[in-house]
Amino acid sequence: MVMPSKTPLSDDIVSDDTALTLPPTRMVTAPVQPTSELTAIPKRRTFTAKFKLRILDETDQASDTGGVTAILRREGLYSSALTDWRRARAAGSLGALQPRQRGPQKAPANPLQAQLAKANREVSSLRRRLDQAEAIIVIQKKVAALLDEMEQTPERSGKS
């Protein structure tokens, strides 16, 4: 503990000749190169099932709480991870101890999705055929009208 200095603080005791001088502040410069422990982009750690089971076995064999915390400190783990791994082990599935993909989970494939896609393709194909048929019918009507008009026109022009 640092004791305060015994210099007087009142104005009547301090003369103009003696000024309170503060010790110079020491500045510590940052290292030129960053430490090797830090990376530019942080990365989430993933643990294999083998590693998780090894840690669980070690913590189960630890006789006291201090032993468990020493293992957690050594491995850089939180007790919540240990609790989650114990629950997964108690569930009885080793696959539950495998690291899971982060982010939104993909929805399970709908078995009717393939049938729906096939039906949609068929509908679009039939609509194209219907549009072609309607265009052909319109053209046939115009051709029929022109032929009727041509039949009537030569008769009149031939008589005059």
N, C-alpha and C. Protein backbone atom coordinates (compact mmCIF):
# COMPACT_ATOMS: atom_id res chain seq x y z
N MET A 1 0.85 -1.18 0.00
CA MET A 1 0.00 0.00 0.00
C MET A 1 0.89 1.23 0.00
N VAL A 2 0.51 2.22 -0.78
CA VAL A 2 1.30 3.44 -0.90
C VAL A 2 0.69 4.49 0.02
N MET A 3 1.52 5.10 0.83
CA MET A 3 1.06 6.13 1.75
C MET A 3 1.07 7.48 1.05
N PRO A 4 0.12 8.33 1.38
CA PRO A 4 0.13 9.66 0.75
C PRO A 4 1.34 10.46 1.24
N SER A 5 1.76 11.39 0.40
CA SER A 5 2.94 12.18 0.76
C SER A 5 2.58 13.14 1.90
N LYS A 6 3.56 13.54 2.63
CA LYS A 6 3.36 14.39 3.81
C LYS A 6 3.54 15.87 3.47
N THR A 7 3.36 16.25 2.22
CA THR A 7 3.52 17.65 1.86
C THR A 7 2.29 18.42 2.28
N PRO A 8 2.45 19.65 2.79
CA PRO A 8 1.30 20.45 3.21
C PRO A 8 0.50 20.91 2.00
N LEU A 9 -0.81 20.97 2.16
CA LEU A 9 -1.68 21.34 1.07
C LEU A 9 -2.25 22.74 1.19
N SER A 10 -2.17 23.35 2.35
CA SER A 10 -2.77 24.68 2.51
C SER A 10 -1.88 25.73 1.86
N ASP A 11 -2.49 26.84 1.40
CA ASP A 11 -1.76 27.89 0.69
C ASP A 11 -0.83 28.69 1.61
N ASP A 12 -1.20 28.86 2.88
CA ASP A 12 -0.39 29.69 3.77
C ASP A 12 0.92 29.00 4.13
N ILE A 13 0.97 27.68 4.06
CA ILE A 13 2.20 26.98 4.43
C ILE A 13 3.12 26.86 3.22
N VAL A 14 2.53 26.68 2.02
CA VAL A 14 3.34 26.48 0.82
C VAL A 14 3.81 27.83 0.33
N SER A 15 5.08 27.98 0.12
CA SER A 15 5.62 29.24 -0.40
C SER A 15 5.69 29.16 -1.92
N ASP A 16 5.93 30.32 -2.51
CA ASP A 16 6.02 30.37 -3.97
C ASP A 16 7.28 29.66 -4.47
N ASP A 17 8.28 29.59 -3.63
CA ASP A 17 9.54 28.99 -4.06
C ASP A 17 9.42 27.48 -4.23
N THR A 18 8.63 26.87 -3.39
CA THR A 18 8.51 25.41 -3.46
C THR A 18 7.21 25.06 -4.16
N ALA A 19 7.30 24.45 -5.23
CA ALA A 19 6.11 24.02 -5.98
C ALA A 19 5.97 22.52 -5.83
N LEU A 20 4.75 22.10 -5.78
CA LEU A 20 4.51 20.66 -5.69
C LEU A 20 4.85 20.03 -7.03
N THR A 21 5.73 19.11 -6.99
CA THR A 21 6.10 18.42 -8.23
C THR A 21 5.60 17.00 -8.16
N LEU A 22 4.98 16.59 -9.22
CA LEU A 22 4.49 15.22 -9.30
C LEU A 22 5.55 14.36 -9.96
N PRO A 23 5.63 13.14 -9.55
CA PRO A 23 6.62 12.27 -10.20
C PRO A 23 6.21 12.06 -11.66
N PRO A 24 7.16 11.91 -12.54
CA PRO A 24 6.82 11.72 -13.96
C PRO A 24 6.07 10.41 -14.15
N THR A 25 5.12 10.45 -15.05
CA THR A 25 4.34 9.24 -15.31
C THR A 25 5.13 8.33 -16.25
N ARG A 26 5.02 7.06 -15.94
CA ARG A 26 5.70 6.08 -16.78
C ARG A 26 4.70 5.50 -17.76
N MET A 27 5.06 5.50 -19.00
CA MET A 27 4.21 4.92 -20.02
C MET A 27 4.85 3.65 -20.53
N VAL A 28 4.06 2.63 -20.62
CA VAL A 28 4.55 1.36 -21.14
C VAL A 28 4.06 1.25 -22.57
N THR A 29 4.98 1.06 -23.50
CA THR A 29 4.59 0.97 -24.90
C THR A 29 4.12 -0.45 -25.21
N ALA A 30 3.25 -0.53 -26.18
CA ALA A 30 2.73 -1.84 -26.61
C ALA A 30 3.82 -2.57 -27.37
N PRO A 31 3.78 -3.89 -27.32
CA PRO A 31 4.79 -4.64 -28.07
C PRO A 31 4.63 -4.40 -29.57
N VAL A 32 5.75 -4.47 -30.28
CA VAL A 32 5.73 -4.20 -31.72
C VAL A 32 4.94 -5.29 -32.44
N GLN A 33 5.16 -6.54 -32.09
CA GLN A 33 4.43 -7.64 -32.70
C GLN A 33 3.36 -8.12 -31.73
N PRO A 34 2.16 -8.46 -32.23
CA PRO A 34 1.15 -9.00 -31.34
C PRO A 34 1.57 -10.38 -30.85
N THR A 35 1.01 -10.76 -29.72
CA THR A 35 1.38 -12.05 -29.16
C THR A 35 0.83 -13.16 -30.05
N SER A 36 1.45 -14.30 -29.95
CA SER A 36 1.03 -15.43 -30.78
C SER A 36 -0.28 -16.04 -30.28
N GLU A 37 -0.71 -15.70 -29.10
CA GLU A 37 -1.96 -16.24 -28.56
C GLU A 37 -3.17 -15.65 -29.27
N LEU A 38 -3.07 -14.43 -29.73
CA LEU A 38 -4.20 -13.77 -30.36
C LEU A 38 -4.14 -13.95 -31.86
N THR A 39 -5.32 -14.18 -32.46
CA THR A 39 -5.39 -14.29 -33.91
C THR A 39 -6.16 -13.11 -34.45
N ALA A 40 -6.00 -12.86 -35.72
CA ALA A 40 -6.70 -11.74 -36.35
C ALA A 40 -8.21 -11.97 -36.34
N ILE A 41 -8.63 -13.19 -36.62
CA ILE A 41 -10.05 -13.52 -36.64
C ILE A 41 -10.30 -14.60 -35.59
N PRO A 42 -11.13 -14.31 -34.59
CA PRO A 42 -11.39 -15.33 -33.58
C PRO A 42 -12.13 -16.52 -34.19
N LYS A 43 -11.84 -17.71 -33.70
CA LYS A 43 -12.45 -18.92 -34.21
C LYS A 43 -13.02 -19.71 -33.04
N ARG A 44 -14.24 -20.13 -33.20
CA ARG A 44 -14.89 -20.93 -32.15
C ARG A 44 -14.27 -22.32 -32.14
N ARG A 45 -13.95 -22.79 -30.93
CA ARG A 45 -13.35 -24.10 -30.81
C ARG A 45 -14.41 -25.18 -30.93
N THR A 46 -14.04 -26.29 -31.54
CA THR A 46 -14.91 -27.46 -31.59
C THR A 46 -14.15 -28.62 -30.98
N PHE A 47 -14.87 -29.48 -30.32
CA PHE A 47 -14.26 -30.59 -29.61
C PHE A 47 -14.79 -31.90 -30.16
N THR A 48 -13.91 -32.86 -30.30
CA THR A 48 -14.32 -34.18 -30.77
C THR A 48 -14.96 -34.96 -29.62
N ALA A 49 -15.69 -36.00 -29.98
CA ALA A 49 -16.33 -36.83 -28.96
C ALA A 49 -15.27 -37.50 -28.09
N LYS A 50 -14.15 -37.88 -28.70
CA LYS A 50 -13.07 -38.52 -27.95
C LYS A 50 -12.52 -37.58 -26.88
N PHE A 51 -12.31 -36.31 -27.24
CA PHE A 51 -11.80 -35.32 -26.29
C PHE A 51 -12.81 -35.10 -25.16
N LYS A 52 -14.09 -34.99 -25.53
CA LYS A 52 -15.13 -34.76 -24.52
C LYS A 52 -15.20 -35.92 -23.54
N LEU A 53 -15.14 -37.14 -24.05
CA LEU A 53 -15.18 -38.30 -23.16
C LEU A 53 -13.95 -38.37 -22.27
N ARG A 54 -12.79 -37.97 -22.80
CA ARG A 54 -11.57 -37.97 -21.98
C ARG A 54 -11.69 -36.97 -20.83
N ILE A 55 -12.21 -35.78 -21.13
CA ILE A 55 -12.38 -34.76 -20.08
C ILE A 55 -13.41 -35.24 -19.06
N LEU A 56 -14.50 -35.84 -19.55
CA LEU A 56 -15.52 -36.33 -18.62
C LEU A 56 -14.95 -37.42 -17.71
N ASP A 57 -14.14 -38.31 -18.26
CA ASP A 57 -13.52 -39.35 -17.43
C ASP A 57 -12.59 -38.74 -16.40
N GLU A 58 -11.79 -37.75 -16.81
CA GLU A 58 -10.87 -37.10 -15.87
C GLU A 58 -11.63 -36.41 -14.74
N THR A 59 -12.71 -35.70 -15.09
CA THR A 59 -13.45 -34.98 -14.05
C THR A 59 -14.21 -35.95 -13.15
N ASP A 60 -14.64 -37.09 -13.69
CA ASP A 60 -15.31 -38.09 -12.84
C ASP A 60 -14.33 -38.70 -11.85
N GLN A 61 -13.06 -38.82 -12.26
CA GLN A 61 -12.07 -39.41 -11.38
C GLN A 61 -11.52 -38.41 -10.37
N ALA A 62 -11.73 -37.11 -10.63
CA ALA A 62 -11.25 -36.09 -9.69
C ALA A 62 -12.02 -36.25 -8.39
N SER A 63 -11.29 -36.26 -7.26
CA SER A 63 -11.93 -36.54 -5.98
C SER A 63 -12.63 -35.34 -5.37
N ASP A 64 -12.15 -34.14 -5.66
CA ASP A 64 -12.75 -32.97 -5.05
C ASP A 64 -13.06 -31.91 -6.11
N THR A 65 -13.73 -30.86 -5.68
CA THR A 65 -14.10 -29.78 -6.59
C THR A 65 -12.87 -29.07 -7.13
N GLY A 66 -11.85 -28.95 -6.33
CA GLY A 66 -10.63 -28.28 -6.77
C GLY A 66 -9.98 -29.00 -7.94
N GLY A 67 -10.08 -30.32 -7.95
CA GLY A 67 -9.51 -31.10 -9.05
C GLY A 67 -10.26 -30.86 -10.35
N VAL A 68 -11.58 -30.75 -10.26
CA VAL A 68 -12.40 -30.51 -11.45
C VAL A 68 -12.10 -29.13 -12.00
N THR A 69 -12.03 -28.13 -11.11
CA THR A 69 -11.76 -26.77 -11.59
C THR A 69 -10.36 -26.66 -12.17
N ALA A 70 -9.41 -27.43 -11.62
CA ALA A 70 -8.05 -27.41 -12.17
C ALA A 70 -8.06 -27.97 -13.60
N ILE A 71 -8.83 -29.02 -13.82
CA ILE A 71 -8.93 -29.59 -15.18
C ILE A 71 -9.57 -28.59 -16.12
N LEU A 72 -10.64 -27.95 -15.65
CA LEU A 72 -11.32 -26.97 -16.49
C LEU A 72 -10.40 -25.80 -16.84
N ARG A 73 -9.63 -25.33 -15.86
CA ARG A 73 -8.71 -24.23 -16.11
C ARG A 73 -7.62 -24.64 -17.08
N ARG A 74 -7.11 -25.86 -16.89
CA ARG A 74 -6.03 -26.35 -17.75
C ARG A 74 -6.48 -26.43 -19.21
N GLU A 75 -7.72 -26.88 -19.42
CA GLU A 75 -8.23 -27.05 -20.78
C GLU A 75 -8.90 -25.79 -21.31
N GLY A 76 -9.11 -24.79 -20.46
CA GLY A 76 -9.76 -23.55 -20.90
C GLY A 76 -11.24 -23.74 -21.17
N LEU A 77 -11.90 -24.50 -20.31
CA LEU A 77 -13.33 -24.81 -20.48
C LEU A 77 -14.15 -24.17 -19.38
N TYR A 78 -15.43 -24.03 -19.64
CA TYR A 78 -16.37 -23.56 -18.63
C TYR A 78 -17.13 -24.75 -18.07
N SER A 79 -17.62 -24.58 -16.85
CA SER A 79 -18.34 -25.68 -16.21
C SER A 79 -19.64 -25.98 -16.94
N SER A 80 -20.21 -24.98 -17.63
CA SER A 80 -21.46 -25.22 -18.37
C SER A 80 -21.23 -26.20 -19.52
N ALA A 81 -20.05 -26.15 -20.14
CA ALA A 81 -19.75 -27.11 -21.21
C ALA A 81 -19.68 -28.52 -20.63
N LEU A 82 -19.08 -28.62 -19.46
CA LEU A 82 -18.99 -29.92 -18.79
C LEU A 82 -20.38 -30.45 -18.47
N THR A 83 -21.26 -29.58 -18.01
CA THR A 83 -22.63 -29.99 -17.70
C THR A 83 -23.35 -30.45 -18.96
N ASP A 84 -23.20 -29.72 -20.05
CA ASP A 84 -23.83 -30.11 -21.32
C ASP A 84 -23.32 -31.46 -21.79
N TRP A 85 -22.01 -31.67 -21.69
CA TRP A 85 -21.43 -32.94 -22.14
C TRP A 85 -21.92 -34.09 -21.26
N ARG A 86 -22.08 -33.86 -19.96
CA ARG A 86 -22.59 -34.92 -19.07
C ARG A 86 -24.03 -35.29 -19.43
N ARG A 87 -24.84 -34.27 -19.74
CA ARG A 87 -26.23 -34.54 -20.15
C ARG A 87 -26.27 -35.36 -21.43
N ALA A 88 -25.42 -35.01 -22.38
CA ALA A 88 -25.38 -35.73 -23.64
C ALA A 88 -24.92 -37.17 -23.43
N ARG A 89 -23.96 -37.36 -22.54
CA ARG A 89 -23.50 -38.72 -22.24
C ARG A 89 -24.59 -39.51 -21.55
N ALA A 90 -25.33 -38.86 -20.65
CA ALA A 90 -26.42 -39.54 -19.95
C ALA A 90 -27.55 -39.91 -20.91
N ALA A 91 -27.72 -39.14 -21.98
CA ALA A 91 -28.75 -39.45 -22.97
C ALA A 91 -28.40 -40.75 -23.70
N GLY A 92 -27.14 -41.15 -23.65
CA GLY A 92 -26.75 -42.44 -24.19
C GLY A 92 -26.33 -42.41 -25.64
N SER A 93 -26.17 -41.26 -26.21
CA SER A 93 -25.77 -41.22 -27.61
C SER A 93 -24.40 -40.56 -27.73
N LEU A 94 -23.50 -41.29 -28.33
CA LEU A 94 -22.17 -40.73 -28.56
C LEU A 94 -22.24 -39.65 -29.62
N GLY A 95 -23.19 -39.77 -30.54
CA GLY A 95 -23.36 -38.76 -31.58
C GLY A 95 -23.75 -37.42 -30.99
N ALA A 96 -24.37 -37.43 -29.82
CA ALA A 96 -24.76 -36.17 -29.19
C ALA A 96 -23.54 -35.39 -28.73
N LEU A 97 -22.42 -36.07 -28.59
CA LEU A 97 -21.20 -35.39 -28.16
C LEU A 97 -20.42 -34.82 -29.34
N GLN A 98 -20.82 -35.13 -30.57
CA GLN A 98 -20.14 -34.57 -31.73
C GLN A 98 -20.50 -33.09 -31.87
N PRO A 99 -19.57 -32.27 -32.37
CA PRO A 99 -19.89 -30.86 -32.55
C PRO A 99 -20.97 -30.68 -33.61
N ARG A 100 -21.92 -29.79 -33.34
CA ARG A 100 -23.01 -29.55 -34.27
C ARG A 100 -22.71 -28.31 -35.08
N GLN A 101 -23.29 -28.26 -36.27
CA GLN A 101 -23.15 -27.09 -37.14
C GLN A 101 -23.93 -25.94 -36.53
N ARG A 102 -23.31 -24.76 -36.48
CA ARG A 102 -23.98 -23.60 -35.93
C ARG A 102 -24.89 -22.99 -36.97
N GLY A 103 -25.86 -22.18 -36.51
CA GLY A 103 -26.75 -21.47 -37.43
C GLY A 103 -28.08 -22.17 -37.56
N PRO A 104 -28.93 -21.65 -38.42
CA PRO A 104 -30.26 -22.24 -38.57
C PRO A 104 -30.15 -23.65 -39.16
N GLN A 105 -30.95 -24.54 -38.63
CA GLN A 105 -30.95 -25.92 -39.09
C GLN A 105 -31.78 -26.04 -40.35
N LYS A 106 -31.38 -26.93 -41.24
CA LYS A 106 -32.13 -27.15 -42.47
C LYS A 106 -33.41 -27.91 -42.13
N ALA A 107 -34.49 -27.50 -42.79
CA ALA A 107 -35.76 -28.17 -42.58
C ALA A 107 -35.70 -29.55 -43.22
N PRO A 108 -36.33 -30.55 -42.60
CA PRO A 108 -36.33 -31.88 -43.22
C PRO A 108 -37.06 -31.85 -44.55
N ALA A 109 -36.59 -32.66 -45.49
CA ALA A 109 -37.18 -32.67 -46.83
C ALA A 109 -38.60 -33.21 -46.78
N ASN A 110 -39.51 -32.52 -47.44
CA ASN A 110 -40.90 -32.95 -47.51
C ASN A 110 -41.02 -34.01 -48.59
N PRO A 111 -41.58 -35.18 -48.30
CA PRO A 111 -41.65 -36.24 -49.31
C PRO A 111 -42.55 -35.85 -50.49
N LEU A 112 -43.49 -34.95 -50.29
CA LEU A 112 -44.38 -34.54 -51.36
C LEU A 112 -43.79 -33.43 -52.22
N GLN A 113 -42.64 -32.91 -51.82
CA GLN A 113 -42.02 -31.80 -52.55
C GLN A 113 -41.65 -32.21 -53.97
N ALA A 114 -41.14 -33.42 -54.15
CA ALA A 114 -40.76 -33.88 -55.49
C ALA A 114 -42.00 -34.01 -56.38
N GLN A 115 -43.08 -34.54 -55.82
CA GLN A 115 -44.31 -34.67 -56.60
C GLN A 115 -44.86 -33.31 -56.98
N LEU A 116 -44.79 -32.36 -56.08
CA LEU A 116 -45.27 -31.01 -56.36
C LEU A 116 -44.45 -30.37 -57.48
N ALA A 117 -43.13 -30.53 -57.43
CA ALA A 117 -42.27 -29.96 -58.46
C ALA A 117 -42.59 -30.58 -59.82
N LYS A 118 -42.81 -31.90 -59.85
CA LYS A 118 -43.14 -32.58 -61.10
C LYS A 118 -44.48 -32.08 -61.65
N ALA A 119 -45.46 -31.92 -60.76
CA ALA A 119 -46.78 -31.42 -61.19
C ALA A 119 -46.67 -30.00 -61.72
N ASN A 120 -45.85 -29.16 -61.07
CA ASN A 120 -45.67 -27.78 -61.54
C ASN A 120 -45.02 -27.75 -62.92
N ARG A 121 -44.02 -28.62 -63.16
CA ARG A 121 -43.40 -28.69 -64.49
C ARG A 121 -44.40 -29.13 -65.54
N GLU A 122 -45.23 -30.10 -65.19
CA GLU A 122 -46.23 -30.59 -66.13
C GLU A 122 -47.26 -29.51 -66.45
N VAL A 123 -47.69 -28.76 -65.44
CA VAL A 123 -48.66 -27.68 -65.64
C VAL A 123 -48.08 -26.62 -66.56
N SER A 124 -46.81 -26.24 -66.36
CA SER A 124 -46.22 -25.21 -67.21
C SER A 124 -46.08 -25.71 -68.64
N SER A 125 -45.75 -26.98 -68.82
CA SER A 125 -45.65 -27.55 -70.16
C SER A 125 -47.02 -27.55 -70.85
N LEU A 126 -48.06 -27.94 -70.12
CA LEU A 126 -49.41 -27.96 -70.70
C LEU A 126 -49.90 -26.55 -71.01
N ARG A 127 -49.53 -25.58 -70.20
CA ARG A 127 -49.93 -24.19 -70.49
C ARG A 127 -49.28 -23.70 -71.77
N ARG A 128 -48.00 -24.06 -71.98
CA ARG A 128 -47.33 -23.68 -73.22
C ARG A 128 -48.03 -24.31 -74.43
N ARG A 129 -48.39 -25.59 -74.32
CA ARG A 129 -49.09 -26.26 -75.42
C ARG A 129 -50.45 -25.62 -75.67
N LEU A 130 -51.14 -25.22 -74.59
CA LEU A 130 -52.45 -24.58 -74.73
C LEU A 130 -52.31 -23.23 -75.44
N ASP A 131 -51.30 -22.44 -75.06
CA ASP A 131 -51.07 -21.15 -75.72
C ASP A 131 -50.79 -21.34 -77.20
N GLN A 132 -49.99 -22.37 -77.55
CA GLN A 132 -49.70 -22.65 -78.96
C GLN A 132 -50.97 -23.04 -79.70
N ALA A 133 -51.79 -23.89 -79.08
CA ALA A 133 -53.04 -24.34 -79.73
C ALA A 133 -53.98 -23.16 -79.94
N GLU A 134 -54.08 -22.28 -78.95
CA GLU A 134 -54.95 -21.10 -79.10
C GLU A 134 -54.44 -20.20 -80.21
N ALA A 135 -53.13 -20.02 -80.33
CA ALA A 135 -52.56 -19.20 -81.40
C ALA A 135 -52.86 -19.83 -82.76
N ILE A 136 -52.75 -21.15 -82.86
CA ILE A 136 -53.05 -21.84 -84.12
C ILE A 136 -54.52 -21.66 -84.49
N ILE A 137 -55.42 -21.77 -83.52
CA ILE A 137 -56.86 -21.61 -83.78
C ILE A 137 -57.15 -20.20 -84.28
N VAL A 138 -56.53 -19.18 -83.67
CA VAL A 138 -56.73 -17.79 -84.11
C VAL A 138 -56.27 -17.63 -85.54
N ILE A 139 -55.10 -18.20 -85.88
CA ILE A 139 -54.59 -18.10 -87.24
C ILE A 139 -55.52 -18.82 -88.23
N GLN A 140 -56.02 -20.00 -87.82
CA GLN A 140 -56.94 -20.74 -88.70
C GLN A 140 -58.22 -19.95 -88.95
N LYS A 141 -58.73 -19.26 -87.94
CA LYS A 141 -59.94 -18.45 -88.13
C LYS A 141 -59.66 -17.31 -89.11
N LYS A 142 -58.49 -16.68 -88.99
CA LYS A 142 -58.15 -15.58 -89.90
C LYS A 142 -57.99 -16.09 -91.32
N VAL A 143 -57.37 -17.25 -91.50
CA VAL A 143 -57.19 -17.83 -92.82
C VAL A 143 -58.54 -18.18 -93.42
N ALA A 144 -59.43 -18.74 -92.61
CA ALA A 144 -60.76 -19.09 -93.10
C ALA A 144 -61.52 -17.85 -93.52
N ALA A 145 -61.40 -16.79 -92.77
CA ALA A 145 -62.09 -15.54 -93.11
C ALA A 145 -61.51 -14.97 -94.40
N LEU A 146 -60.21 -15.02 -94.57
CA LEU A 146 -59.59 -14.52 -95.80
C LEU A 146 -60.00 -15.36 -97.02
N LEU A 147 -60.06 -16.66 -96.84
CA LEU A 147 -60.47 -17.52 -97.95
C LEU A 147 -61.92 -17.25 -98.35
N ASP A 148 -62.79 -17.05 -97.36
CA ASP A 148 -64.18 -16.72 -97.66
C ASP A 148 -64.26 -15.40 -98.41
N GLU A 149 -63.47 -14.44 -97.98
CA GLU A 149 -63.48 -13.13 -98.63
C GLU A 149 -62.94 -13.25 -100.06
N MET A 150 -61.92 -14.08 -100.28
CA MET A 150 -61.36 -14.26 -101.62
C MET A 150 -62.34 -14.96 -102.55
N GLU A 151 -63.13 -15.89 -101.99
CA GLU A 151 -64.12 -16.58 -102.81
C GLU A 151 -65.20 -15.62 -103.28
N GLN A 152 -65.60 -14.73 -102.41
CA GLN A 152 -66.67 -13.79 -102.75
C GLN A 152 -66.13 -12.69 -103.66
N THR A 153 -64.94 -12.25 -103.54
CA THR A 153 -64.38 -11.16 -104.33
C THR A 153 -64.19 -11.56 -105.80
N PRO A 154 -63.66 -12.70 -106.18
CA PRO A 154 -63.48 -13.02 -107.60
C PRO A 154 -64.82 -13.16 -108.33
N GLU A 155 -65.82 -13.61 -107.68
CA GLU A 155 -67.12 -13.73 -108.33
C GLU A 155 -67.62 -12.37 -108.73
N ARG A 156 -67.54 -11.40 -107.89
CA ARG A 156 -68.01 -10.04 -108.17
C ARG A 156 -67.13 -9.40 -109.23
N SER A 157 -65.81 -9.59 -109.10
CA SER A 157 -64.94 -8.94 -110.07
C SER A 157 -65.04 -9.60 -111.45
N GLY A 158 -65.38 -10.86 -111.51
CA GLY A 158 -65.53 -11.54 -112.78
C GLY A 158 -66.77 -11.11 -113.54
N LYS A 159 -67.84 -10.74 -112.86
CA LYS A 159 -69.10 -10.34 -113.47
C LYS A 159 -69.03 -8.92 -113.98
N SER A 160 -68.25 -8.10 -113.44
CA SER A 160 -68.28 -6.70 -113.85
C SER A 160 -67.45 -6.40 -114.99
